[in-house]
PDB file of N, CA and C in Angstrom:
ATOM      1  N   MET A   1     104.183  15.785 114.034  1.00  0.00           N
ATOM      2  CA  MET A   1     102.982  15.465 113.285  1.00  0.00           C
ATOM      3  C   MET A   1     102.586  16.685 112.441  1.00  0.00           C
ATOM      4  N   THR A   2     102.313  16.446 111.187  1.00  0.00           N
ATOM      5  CA  THR A   2     101.927  17.508 110.277  1.00  0.00           C
ATOM      6  C   THR A   2     100.492  17.285 109.829  1.00  0.00           C
ATOM      7  N   LEU A   3      99.688  18.332 109.946  1.00  0.00           N
ATOM      8  CA  LEU A   3      98.307  18.255 109.484  1.00  0.00           C
ATOM      9  C   LEU A   3      98.241  18.497 107.989  1.00  0.00           C
ATOM     10  N   ASN A   4      97.447  17.712 107.318  1.00  0.00           N
ATOM     11  CA  ASN A   4      97.215  17.909 105.899  1.00  0.00           C
ATOM     12  C   ASN A   4      96.272  19.099 105.736  1.00  0.00           C
ATOM     13  N   PRO A   5      96.675  20.156 105.040  1.00  0.00           N
ATOM     14  CA  PRO A   5      95.824  21.342 104.889  1.00  0.00           C
ATOM     15  C   PRO A   5      94.473  21.023 104.243  1.00  0.00           C
ATOM     16  N   ASP A   6      94.461  20.106 103.273  1.00  0.00           N
ATOM     17  CA  ASP A   6      93.188  19.751 102.640  1.00  0.00           C
ATOM     18  C   ASP A   6      92.253  19.062 103.628  1.00  0.00           C
ATOM     19  N   LEU A   7      92.798  18.244 104.519  1.00  0.00           N
ATOM     20  CA  LEU A   7      91.970  17.577 105.521  1.00  0.00           C
ATOM     21  C   LEU A   7      91.330  18.604 106.458  1.00  0.00           C
ATOM     22  N   VAL A   8      92.104  19.576 106.872  1.00  0.00           N
ATOM     23  CA  VAL A   8      91.569  20.658 107.716  1.00  0.00           C
ATOM     24  C   VAL A   8      90.481  21.414 106.942  1.00  0.00           C
ATOM     25  N   GLY A   9      90.745  21.705 105.667  1.00  0.00           N
ATOM     26  CA  GLY A   9      89.767  22.416 104.841  1.00  0.00           C
ATOM     27  C   GLY A   9      88.475  21.636 104.662  1.00  0.00           C
ATOM     28  N   TRP A  10      88.582  20.344 104.331  1.00  0.00           N
ATOM     29  CA  TRP A  10      87.378  19.526 104.143  1.00  0.00           C
ATOM     30  C   TRP A  10      86.573  19.398 105.437  1.00  0.00           C
ATOM     31  N   ALA A  11      87.252  19.209 106.565  1.00  0.00           N
ATOM     32  CA  ALA A  11      86.554  19.084 107.857  1.00  0.00           C
ATOM     33  C   ALA A  11      85.843  20.396 108.202  1.00  0.00           C
ATOM     34  N   SER A  12      86.508  21.500 107.994  1.00  0.00           N
ATOM     35  CA  SER A  12      85.897  22.798 108.266  1.00  0.00           C
ATOM     36  C   SER A  12      84.719  23.052 107.328  1.00  0.00           C
ATOM     37  N   ALA A  13      84.874  22.692 106.085  1.00  0.00           N
ATOM     38  CA  ALA A  13      83.804  22.852 105.101  1.00  0.00           C
ATOM     39  C   ALA A  13      82.583  22.031 105.495  1.00  0.00           C
ATOM     40  N   ALA A  14      82.810  20.810 105.926  1.00  0.00           N
ATOM     41  CA  ALA A  14      81.703  19.941 106.331  1.00  0.00           C
ATOM     42  C   ALA A  14      80.956  20.530 107.522  1.00  0.00           C
ATOM     43  N   LEU A  15      81.677  21.062 108.483  1.00  0.00           N
ATOM     44  CA  LEU A  15      81.035  21.676 109.652  1.00  0.00           C
ATOM     45  C   LEU A  15      80.207  22.898 109.260  1.00  0.00           C
ATOM     46  N   LEU A  16      80.765  23.762 108.434  1.00  0.00           N
ATOM     47  CA  LEU A  16      80.051  24.959 108.013  1.00  0.00           C
ATOM     48  C   LEU A  16      78.811  24.598 107.210  1.00  0.00           C
ATOM     49  N   LEU A  17      78.956  23.682 106.276  1.00  0.00           N
ATOM     50  CA  LEU A  17      77.821  23.270 105.463  1.00  0.00           C
ATOM     51  C   LEU A  17      76.729  22.631 106.316  1.00  0.00           C
ATOM     52  N   ALA A  18      77.124  21.823 107.293  1.00  0.00           N
ATOM     53  CA  ALA A  18      76.144  21.185 108.181  1.00  0.00           C
ATOM     54  C   ALA A  18      75.335  22.224 108.956  1.00  0.00           C
ATOM     55  N   THR A  19      75.981  23.290 109.412  1.00  0.00           N
ATOM     56  CA  THR A  19      75.244  24.307 110.176  1.00  0.00           C
ATOM     57  C   THR A  19      74.255  25.060 109.292  1.00  0.00           C
ATOM     58  N   ILE A  20      74.648  25.378 108.072  1.00  0.00           N
ATOM     59  CA  ILE A  20      73.750  26.096 107.162  1.00  0.00           C
ATOM     60  C   ILE A  20      72.599  25.197 106.734  1.00  0.00           C
ATOM     61  N   VAL A  21      72.894  23.957 106.401  1.00  0.00           N
ATOM     62  CA  VAL A  21      71.846  23.023 105.991  1.00  0.00           C
ATOM     63  C   VAL A  21      70.853  22.812 107.142  1.00  0.00           C
ATOM     64  N   LYS A  22      71.342  22.746 108.364  1.00  0.00           N
ATOM     65  CA  LYS A  22      70.456  22.590 109.533  1.00  0.00           C
ATOM     66  C   LYS A  22      69.487  23.766 109.610  1.00  0.00           C
ATOM     67  N   GLN A  23      69.962  24.979 109.374  1.00  0.00           N
ATOM     68  CA  GLN A  23      69.095  26.164 109.404  1.00  0.00           C
ATOM     69  C   GLN A  23      68.032  26.074 108.316  1.00  0.00           C
ATOM     70  N   VAL A  24      68.433  25.672 107.123  1.00  0.00           N
ATOM     71  CA  VAL A  24      67.491  25.570 106.007  1.00  0.00           C
ATOM     72  C   VAL A  24      66.437  24.496 106.296  1.00  0.00           C
ATOM     73  N   VAL A  25      66.860  23.352 106.806  1.00  0.00           N
ATOM     74  CA  VAL A  25      65.921  22.267 107.121  1.00  0.00           C
ATOM     75  C   VAL A  25      64.959  22.696 108.229  1.00  0.00           C
ATOM     76  N   THR A  26      65.467  23.366 109.244  1.00  0.00           N
ATOM     77  CA  THR A  26      64.606  23.856 110.331  1.00  0.00           C
ATOM     78  C   THR A  26      63.565  24.819 109.789  1.00  0.00           C
ATOM     79  N   GLN A  27      63.984  25.711 108.932  1.00  0.00           N
ATOM     80  CA  GLN A  27      63.060  26.666 108.326  1.00  0.00           C
ATOM     81  C   GLN A  27      61.992  25.944 107.514  1.00  0.00           C
ATOM     82  N   TRP A  28      62.392  24.929 106.778  1.00  0.00           N
ATOM     83  CA  TRP A  28      61.464  24.157 105.952  1.00  0.00           C
ATOM     84  C   TRP A  28      60.432  23.448 106.829  1.00  0.00           C
ATOM     85  N   LYS A  29      60.911  22.783 107.878  1.00  0.00           N
ATOM     86  CA  LYS A  29      60.020  21.995 108.742  1.00  0.00           C
ATOM     87  C   LYS A  29      59.059  22.869 109.535  1.00  0.00           C
ATOM     88  N   THR A  30      59.548  23.997 110.044  1.00  0.00           N
ATOM     89  CA  THR A  30      58.693  24.843 110.888  1.00  0.00           C
ATOM     90  C   THR A  30      57.768  25.725 110.071  1.00  0.00           C
ATOM     91  N   GLY A  31      58.152  26.016 108.843  1.00  0.00           N
ATOM     92  CA  GLY A  31      57.354  26.921 108.015  1.00  0.00           C
ATOM     93  C   GLY A  31      57.356  28.340 108.550  1.00  0.00           C
ATOM     94  N   SER A  32      58.388  28.683 109.300  1.00  0.00           N
ATOM     95  CA  SER A  32      58.446  29.987 109.953  1.00  0.00           C
ATOM     96  C   SER A  32      59.709  30.741 109.563  1.00  0.00           C
ATOM     97  N   THR A  33      59.620  32.061 109.637  1.00  0.00           N
ATOM     98  CA  THR A  33      60.803  32.896 109.429  1.00  0.00           C
ATOM     99  C   THR A  33      61.315  33.467 110.756  1.00  0.00           C
ATOM    100  N   ALA A  34      60.729  33.043 111.845  1.00  0.00           N
ATOM    101  CA  ALA A  34      61.113  33.560 113.162  1.00  0.00           C
ATOM    102  C   ALA A  34      62.606  33.345 113.406  1.00  0.00           C
ATOM    103  N   GLY A  35      63.266  34.414 113.793  1.00  0.00           N
ATOM    104  CA  GLY A  35      64.678  34.341 114.130  1.00  0.00           C
ATOM    105  C   GLY A  35      65.616  34.321 112.940  1.00  0.00           C
ATOM    106  N   VAL A  36      65.091  34.462 111.726  1.00  0.00           N
ATOM    107  CA  VAL A  36      65.931  34.442 110.534  1.00  0.00           C
ATOM    108  C   VAL A  36      65.928  35.829 109.911  1.00  0.00           C
ATOM    109  N   SER A  37      67.107  36.403 109.769  1.00  0.00           N
ATOM    110  CA  SER A  37      67.224  37.715 109.147  1.00  0.00           C
ATOM    111  C   SER A  37      66.901  37.616 107.664  1.00  0.00           C
ATOM    112  N   LYS A  38      66.190  38.608 107.153  1.00  0.00           N
ATOM    113  CA  LYS A  38      65.886  38.613 105.724  1.00  0.00           C
ATOM    114  C   LYS A  38      67.154  38.790 104.893  1.00  0.00           C
ATOM    115  N   TRP A  39      68.230  39.206 105.519  1.00  0.00           N
ATOM    116  CA  TRP A  39      69.500  39.432 104.827  1.00  0.00           C
ATOM    117  C   TRP A  39      70.413  38.212 104.835  1.00  0.00           C
ATOM    118  N   LEU A  40      70.115  37.216 105.667  1.00  0.00           N
ATOM    119  CA  LEU A  40      71.015  36.069 105.839  1.00  0.00           C
ATOM    120  C   LEU A  40      71.329  35.372 104.525  1.00  0.00           C
ATOM    121  N   PHE A  41      70.312  34.901 103.839  1.00  0.00           N
ATOM    122  CA  PHE A  41      70.560  34.083 102.654  1.00  0.00           C
ATOM    123  C   PHE A  41      70.986  34.917 101.443  1.00  0.00           C
ATOM    124  N   GLY A  42      70.532  36.165 101.363  1.00  0.00           N
ATOM    125  CA  GLY A  42      71.002  37.040 100.292  1.00  0.00           C
ATOM    126  C   GLY A  42      72.490  37.305 100.420  1.00  0.00           C
ATOM    127  N   GLY A  43      72.918  37.626 101.624  1.00  0.00           N
ATOM    128  CA  GLY A  43      74.345  37.855 101.872  1.00  0.00           C
ATOM    129  C   GLY A  43      75.159  36.593 101.664  1.00  0.00           C
ATOM    130  N   GLN A  44      74.621  35.467 102.121  1.00  0.00           N
ATOM    131  CA  GLN A  44      75.323  34.200 101.941  1.00  0.00           C
ATOM    132  C   GLN A  44      75.450  33.867 100.459  1.00  0.00           C
ATOM    133  N   THR A  45      74.401  34.132  99.685  1.00  0.00           N
ATOM    134  CA  THR A  45      74.440  33.850  98.247  1.00  0.00           C
ATOM    135  C   THR A  45      75.549  34.645  97.574  1.00  0.00           C
ATOM    136  N   LEU A  46      75.598  35.938  97.846  1.00  0.00           N
ATOM    137  CA  LEU A  46      76.619  36.783  97.223  1.00  0.00           C
ATOM    138  C   LEU A  46      78.030  36.400  97.669  1.00  0.00           C
ATOM    139  N   ALA A  47      78.187  36.147  98.965  1.00  0.00           N
ATOM    140  CA  ALA A  47      79.511  35.763  99.472  1.00  0.00           C
ATOM    141  C   ALA A  47      79.952  34.422  98.896  1.00  0.00           C
ATOM    142  N   SER A  48      79.068  33.450  98.868  1.00  0.00           N
ATOM    143  CA  SER A  48      79.424  32.130  98.345  1.00  0.00           C
ATOM    144  C   SER A  48      79.732  32.188  96.854  1.00  0.00           C
ATOM    145  N   LEU A  49      78.977  32.995  96.117  1.00  0.00           N
ATOM    146  CA  LEU A  49      79.250  33.160  94.694  1.00  0.00           C
ATOM    147  C   LEU A  49      80.638  33.777  94.490  1.00  0.00           C
ATOM    148  N   GLY A  50      80.930  34.833  95.232  1.00  0.00           N
ATOM    149  CA  GLY A  50      82.243  35.465  95.132  1.00  0.00           C
ATOM    150  C   GLY A  50      83.372  34.523  95.517  1.00  0.00           C
ATOM    151  N   PHE A  51      83.188  33.786  96.606  1.00  0.00           N
ATOM    152  CA  PHE A  51      84.220  32.844  97.031  1.00  0.00           C
ATOM    153  C   PHE A  51      84.366  31.686  96.041  1.00  0.00           C
ATOM    154  N   ALA A  52      83.270  31.256  95.425  1.00  0.00           N
ATOM    155  CA  ALA A  52      83.358  30.185  94.427  1.00  0.00           C
ATOM    156  C   ALA A  52      84.161  30.652  93.218  1.00  0.00           C
ATOM    157  N   VAL A  53      83.911  31.873  92.763  1.00  0.00           N
ATOM    158  CA  VAL A  53      84.676  32.419  91.635  1.00  0.00           C
ATOM    159  C   VAL A  53      86.155  32.536  92.016  1.00  0.00           C
ATOM    160  N   TYR A  54      86.405  33.070  93.195  1.00  0.00           N
ATOM    161  CA  TYR A  54      87.786  33.196  93.681  1.00  0.00           C
ATOM    162  C   TYR A  54      88.460  31.825  93.743  1.00  0.00           C
ATOM    163  N   SER A  55      87.750  30.833  94.273  1.00  0.00           N
ATOM    164  CA  SER A  55      88.314  29.493  94.421  1.00  0.00           C
ATOM    165  C   SER A  55      88.624  28.871  93.071  1.00  0.00           C
ATOM    166  N   ALA A  56      87.741  29.079  92.102  1.00  0.00           N
ATOM    167  CA  ALA A  56      87.986  28.562  90.751  1.00  0.00           C
ATOM    168  C   ALA A  56      89.209  29.233  90.145  1.00  0.00           C
ATOM    169  N   MET A  57      89.322  30.537  90.376  1.00  0.00           N
ATOM    170  CA  MET A  57      90.449  31.288  89.811  1.00  0.00           C
ATOM    171  C   MET A  57      91.788  30.863  90.429  1.00  0.00           C
ATOM    172  N   THR A  58      91.763  30.470  91.697  1.00  0.00           N
ATOM    173  CA  THR A  58      93.003  30.068  92.371  1.00  0.00           C
ATOM    174  C   THR A  58      93.229  28.558  92.321  1.00  0.00           C
ATOM    175  N   GLY A  59      92.225  27.812  91.848  1.00  0.00           N
ATOM    176  CA  GLY A  59      92.363  26.363  91.725  1.00  0.00           C
ATOM    177  C   GLY A  59      92.223  25.606  93.029  1.00  0.00           C
ATOM    178  N   ASN A  60      91.586  26.214  94.036  1.00  0.00           N
ATOM    179  CA  ASN A  60      91.406  25.548  95.323  1.00  0.00           C
ATOM    180  C   ASN A  60      90.111  24.737  95.306  1.00  0.00           C
ATOM    181  N   MET A  61      90.225  23.433  95.103  1.00  0.00           N
ATOM    182  CA  MET A  61      89.051  22.576  94.950  1.00  0.00           C
ATOM    183  C   MET A  61      88.245  22.421  96.240  1.00  0.00           C
ATOM    184  N   VAL A  62      88.907  22.437  97.393  1.00  0.00           N
ATOM    185  CA  VAL A  62      88.174  22.350  98.661  1.00  0.00           C
ATOM    186  C   VAL A  62      87.250  23.548  98.790  1.00  0.00           C
ATOM    187  N   PHE A  63      87.808  24.725  98.622  1.00  0.00           N
ATOM    188  CA  PHE A  63      87.039  25.950  98.781  1.00  0.00           C
ATOM    189  C   PHE A  63      85.977  26.088  97.694  1.00  0.00           C
ATOM    190  N   LEU A  64      86.309  25.677  96.475  1.00  0.00           N
ATOM    191  CA  LEU A  64      85.332  25.728  95.389  1.00  0.00           C
ATOM    192  C   LEU A  64      84.150  24.817  95.672  1.00  0.00           C
ATOM    193  N   THR A  65      84.412  23.596  96.081  1.00  0.00           N
ATOM    194  CA  THR A  65      83.352  22.629  96.358  1.00  0.00           C
ATOM    195  C   THR A  65      82.426  23.112  97.465  1.00  0.00           C
ATOM    196  N   VAL A  66      83.003  23.568  98.576  1.00  0.00           N
ATOM    197  CA  VAL A  66      82.158  23.994  99.699  1.00  0.00           C
ATOM    198  C   VAL A  66      81.374  25.248  99.343  1.00  0.00           C
ATOM    199  N   ASN A  67      81.960  26.154  98.593  1.00  0.00           N
ATOM    200  CA  ASN A  67      81.234  27.379  98.275  1.00  0.00           C
ATOM    201  C   ASN A  67      80.135  27.169  97.247  1.00  0.00           C
ATOM    202  N   VAL A  68      80.306  26.232  96.347  1.00  0.00           N
ATOM    203  CA  VAL A  68      79.210  25.888  95.444  1.00  0.00           C
ATOM    204  C   VAL A  68      78.081  25.236  96.244  1.00  0.00           C
ATOM    205  N   ALA A  69      78.428  24.340  97.171  1.00  0.00           N
ATOM    206  CA  ALA A  69      77.409  23.717  98.031  1.00  0.00           C
ATOM    207  C   ALA A  69      76.710  24.766  98.895  1.00  0.00           C
ATOM    208  N   LEU A  70      77.465  25.701  99.448  1.00  0.00           N
ATOM    209  CA  LEU A  70      76.871  26.772 100.251  1.00  0.00           C
ATOM    210  C   LEU A  70      76.002  27.687  99.398  1.00  0.00           C
ATOM    211  N   LEU A  71      76.395  27.921  98.164  1.00  0.00           N
ATOM    212  CA  LEU A  71      75.591  28.732  97.259  1.00  0.00           C
ATOM    213  C   LEU A  71      74.235  28.058  97.009  1.00  0.00           C
ATOM    214  N   VAL A  72      74.248  26.765  96.765  1.00  0.00           N
ATOM    215  CA  VAL A  72      72.998  26.024  96.554  1.00  0.00           C
ATOM    216  C   VAL A  72      72.127  26.079  97.818  1.00  0.00           C
ATOM    217  N   SER A  73      72.734  25.906  98.984  1.00  0.00           N
ATOM    218  CA  SER A  73      71.953  25.954 100.230  1.00  0.00           C
ATOM    219  C   SER A  73      71.415  27.357 100.487  1.00  0.00           C
ATOM    220  N   ALA A  74      72.163  28.382 100.114  1.00  0.00           N
ATOM    221  CA  ALA A  74      71.692  29.764 100.294  1.00  0.00           C
ATOM    222  C   ALA A  74      70.498  30.054  99.403  1.00  0.00           C
ATOM    223  N   ILE A  75      70.553  29.585  98.175  1.00  0.00           N
ATOM    224  CA  ILE A  75      69.425  29.789  97.258  1.00  0.00           C
ATOM    225  C   ILE A  75      68.199  29.048  97.771  1.00  0.00           C
ATOM    226  N   ALA A  76      68.380  27.811  98.223  1.00  0.00           N
ATOM    227  CA  ALA A  76      67.261  27.047  98.791  1.00  0.00           C
ATOM    228  C   ALA A  76      66.716  27.755 100.029  1.00  0.00           C
ATOM    229  N   GLY A  77      67.596  28.228 100.890  1.00  0.00           N
ATOM    230  CA  GLY A  77      67.169  28.932 102.099  1.00  0.00           C
ATOM    231  C   GLY A  77      66.385  30.192 101.774  1.00  0.00           C
ATOM    232  N   GLN A  78      66.829  30.931 100.775  1.00  0.00           N
ATOM    233  CA  GLN A  78      66.133  32.157 100.375  1.00  0.00           C
ATOM    234  C   GLN A  78      64.739  31.837  99.847  1.00  0.00           C
ATOM    235  N   LEU A  79      64.640  30.813  99.016  1.00  0.00           N
ATOM    236  CA  LEU A  79      63.337  30.426  98.471  1.00  0.00           C
ATOM    237  C   LEU A  79      62.386  29.976  99.579  1.00  0.00           C
ATOM    238  N   ILE A  80      62.897  29.214 100.521  1.00  0.00           N
ATOM    239  CA  ILE A  80      62.072  28.766 101.650  1.00  0.00           C
ATOM    240  C   ILE A  80      61.665  29.961 102.515  1.00  0.00           C
ATOM    241  N   TYR A  81      62.593  30.884 102.745  1.00  0.00           N
ATOM    242  CA  TYR A  81      62.280  32.087 103.526  1.00  0.00           C
ATOM    243  C   TYR A  81      61.132  32.858 102.876  1.00  0.00           C
ATOM    244  N   TRP A  82      61.227  33.070 101.561  1.00  0.00           N
ATOM    245  CA  TRP A  82      60.161  33.811 100.865  1.00  0.00           C
ATOM    246  C   TRP A  82      58.833  33.066 100.941  1.00  0.00           C
ATOM    247  N   ARG A  83      58.855  31.748 100.785  1.00  0.00           N
ATOM    248  CA  ARG A  83      57.630  30.943 100.891  1.00  0.00           C
ATOM    249  C   ARG A  83      57.010  31.097 102.276  1.00  0.00           C
ATOM    250  N   ASN A  84      57.840  30.960 103.300  1.00  0.00           N
ATOM    251  CA  ASN A  84      57.341  31.074 104.669  1.00  0.00           C
ATOM    252  C   ASN A  84      56.816  32.470 104.960  1.00  0.00           C
ATOM    253  N   LYS A  85      57.488  33.483 104.442  1.00  0.00           N
ATOM    254  CA  LYS A  85      57.062  34.868 104.668  1.00  0.00           C
ATOM    255  C   LYS A  85      55.688  35.101 104.036  1.00  0.00           C
ATOM    256  N   ARG A  86      55.492  34.601 102.818  1.00  0.00           N
ATOM    257  CA  ARG A  86      54.175  34.742 102.159  1.00  0.00           C
ATOM    258  C   ARG A  86      53.090  34.037 102.962  1.00  0.00           C
ATOM    259  N   ARG A  87      53.395  32.859 103.481  1.00  0.00           N
ATOM    260  CA  ARG A  87      52.420  32.127 104.296  1.00  0.00           C
ATOM    261  C   ARG A  87      52.067  32.897 105.557  1.00  0.00           C
ATOM    262  N   GLU A  88      53.085  33.449 106.218  1.00  0.00           N
ATOM    263  CA  GLU A  88      52.852  34.213 107.444  1.00  0.00           C
ATOM    264  C   GLU A  88      51.992  35.440 107.160  1.00  0.00           C
ATOM    265  N   GLN A  89      52.266  36.135 106.060  1.00  0.00           N
ATOM    266  CA  GLN A  89      51.487  37.314 105.698  1.00  0.00           C
ATOM    267  C   GLN A  89      50.069  36.943 105.345  1.00  0.00           C
ATOM    268  N   ALA A  90      49.865  35.827 104.663  1.00  0.00           N
ATOM    269  CA  ALA A  90      48.525  35.375 104.304  1.00  0.00           C
ATOM    270  C   ALA A  90      47.728  35.006 105.553  1.00  0.00           C
ATOM    271  N   CYS A  91      48.379  34.362 106.524  1.00  0.00           N
ATOM    272  CA  CYS A  91      47.686  34.007 107.776  1.00  0.00           C
ATOM    273  C   CYS A  91      47.310  35.261 108.570  1.00  0.00           C
ATOM    274  N   ALA A  92      48.210  36.240 108.562  1.00  0.00           N
ATOM    275  CA  ALA A  92      47.951  37.474 109.301  1.00  0.00           C
ATOM    276  C   ALA A  92      46.812  38.286 108.671  1.00  0.00           C
ATOM    277  N   ALA A  93      46.669  38.172 107.361  1.00  0.00           N
ATOM    278  CA  ALA A  93      45.624  38.918 106.635  1.00  0.00           C
ATOM    279  C   ALA A  93      44.246  38.271 106.785  1.00  0.00           C
ATOM    280  N   GLY A  94      44.239  37.061 107.176  1.00  0.00           N
ATOM    281  CA  GLY A  94      42.914  36.452 107.383  1.00  0.00           C
ATOM    282  C   GLY A  94      42.895  35.094 106.945  1.00  0.00           C
TER     283      GLY A  94
END
């Protein structure tokens, strides 16, 4: 039996994207930054951007698709993190 490399790639991509999206949704629903590193989404944004460029250059559509999706989720996560952080600071100030 031979595994199709693209099938392995798509399945892995779906799992990774699901975990990141779950973190972003949890952050959105709770309105909290508790347990989230301020570096998480910034690092993810840069890594996903670099991997997306690499994937485009090598013509790997699986990797390109997942990294563009991860880039979008990282940007959304960063924006939500900043929103939640401002709310937390405003509550702490009074």
